[in-house]
Amino acid sequence: MSFSDAIDDTRQRISELERRSDDLESQLAFQEETIDALNQLVTKQNQELQTLQKHLQLLVERMQQMRDSQDQQPLDERPPHY
């Protein structure tokens, strides 16, 4: 192998490494964008879940209050129009 062949081979290897480096940088940028988008989605869903849990708790409390008020009323009480 001549000196010029060695230089050409080295240039080809450097070119290939630069191409691979560019590909990896592109993949990394895409992954960072994807992770950011997924993080935003998880944060939003967590907030929605917390809101739904609060609403569910309020509904449970209201149902319990309704049961308690029904338990306190006599069963044979006549309505006021009698």
Protein backbone atom coordinates (compact mmCIF):
# COMPACT_ATOMS: atom_id res chain seq x y z
CA MET A 1 0.00 0.00 0.00
CA SER A 2 1.40 3.34 -1.01
CA PHE A 3 1.41 6.45 1.11
CA SER A 4 -1.31 8.09 -1.02
CA ASP A 5 -3.46 4.94 -0.72
CA ALA A 6 -3.07 5.10 3.05
CA ILE A 7 -4.11 8.76 3.05
CA ASP A 8 -7.15 7.97 0.88
CA ASP A 9 -8.09 5.09 3.18
CA THR A 10 -7.75 7.35 6.23
CA ARG A 11 -9.91 10.02 4.59
CA GLN A 12 -12.60 7.44 3.80
CA ARG A 13 -12.58 6.21 7.39
CA ILE A 14 -12.81 9.76 8.71
CA SER A 15 -15.68 10.48 6.31
CA GLU A 16 -17.49 7.33 7.47
CA LEU A 17 -16.97 8.25 11.13
CA GLU A 18 -18.30 11.76 10.49
CA ARG A 19 -21.37 10.33 8.78
CA ARG A 20 -21.99 7.93 11.66
CA SER A 21 -21.49 10.75 14.16
CA ASP A 22 -24.03 12.90 12.28
CA ASP A 23 -26.51 10.00 12.28
CA LEU A 24 -26.10 9.52 16.02
CA GLU A 25 -26.56 13.23 16.68
CA SER A 26 -29.75 13.19 14.61
CA GLN A 27 -31.08 10.15 16.49
CA LEU A 28 -30.23 11.75 19.82
CA ALA A 29 -32.05 14.96 18.89
CA PHE A 30 -35.13 12.95 17.87
CA GLN A 31 -35.04 10.94 21.10
CA GLU A 32 -34.73 14.10 23.19
CA GLU A 33 -37.77 15.59 21.44
CA THR A 34 -39.71 12.37 21.95
CA ILE A 35 -38.80 12.19 25.63
CA ASP A 36 -39.81 15.82 26.12
CA ALA A 37 -43.17 15.24 24.42
CA LEU A 38 -43.81 12.09 26.47
CA ASN A 39 -42.87 13.91 29.67
CA GLN A 40 -45.36 16.67 28.89
CA LEU A 41 -48.05 14.09 28.18
CA VAL A 42 -47.38 12.20 31.42
CA THR A 43 -47.48 15.47 33.38
CA LYS A 44 -50.81 16.43 31.79
CA GLN A 45 -52.31 12.98 32.42
CA ASN A 46 -51.12 13.08 36.03
CA GLN A 47 -52.90 16.39 36.55
CA GLU A 48 -56.06 15.00 34.95
CA LEU A 49 -55.84 11.90 37.14
CA GLN A 50 -55.53 14.02 40.28
CA THR A 51 -58.58 16.05 39.24
CA LEU A 52 -60.59 12.89 38.60
CA GLN A 53 -59.54 11.45 41.96
CA LYS A 54 -60.73 14.62 43.72
CA HIS A 55 -64.06 14.48 41.90
CA LEU A 56 -64.47 10.83 42.75
CA GLN A 57 -63.76 11.54 46.41
CA LEU A 58 -66.38 14.32 46.40
CA LEU A 59 -68.93 11.95 44.85
CA VAL A 60 -68.20 9.29 47.45
CA GLU A 61 -68.65 11.85 50.23
CA ARG A 62 -71.94 13.08 48.76
CA MET A 63 -73.26 9.55 48.40
CA GLN A 64 -72.35 8.85 52.02
CA GLN A 65 -74.15 12.02 53.10
CA MET A 66 -77.22 10.95 51.13
CA ARG A 67 -77.17 7.51 52.79
CA ASP A 68 -76.75 9.08 56.20
CA SER A 69 -79.67 11.45 55.65
CA GLN A 70 -81.86 8.57 54.42
CA ASP A 71 -80.93 6.51 57.47
CA GLN A 72 -82.05 9.32 59.76
CA GLN A 73 -85.53 9.62 58.23
CA PRO A 74 -88.17 7.30 59.60
CA LEU A 75 -89.39 4.80 57.06
CA ASP A 76 -93.10 5.12 57.91
CA GLU A 77 -93.25 8.87 57.97
CA ARG A 78 -96.14 10.26 55.95
CA PRO A 79 -95.41 12.96 53.42
CA PRO A 80 -96.38 16.49 54.47
CA HIS A 81 -99.46 16.66 52.17
CA TYR A 82 -101.36 14.03 54.24
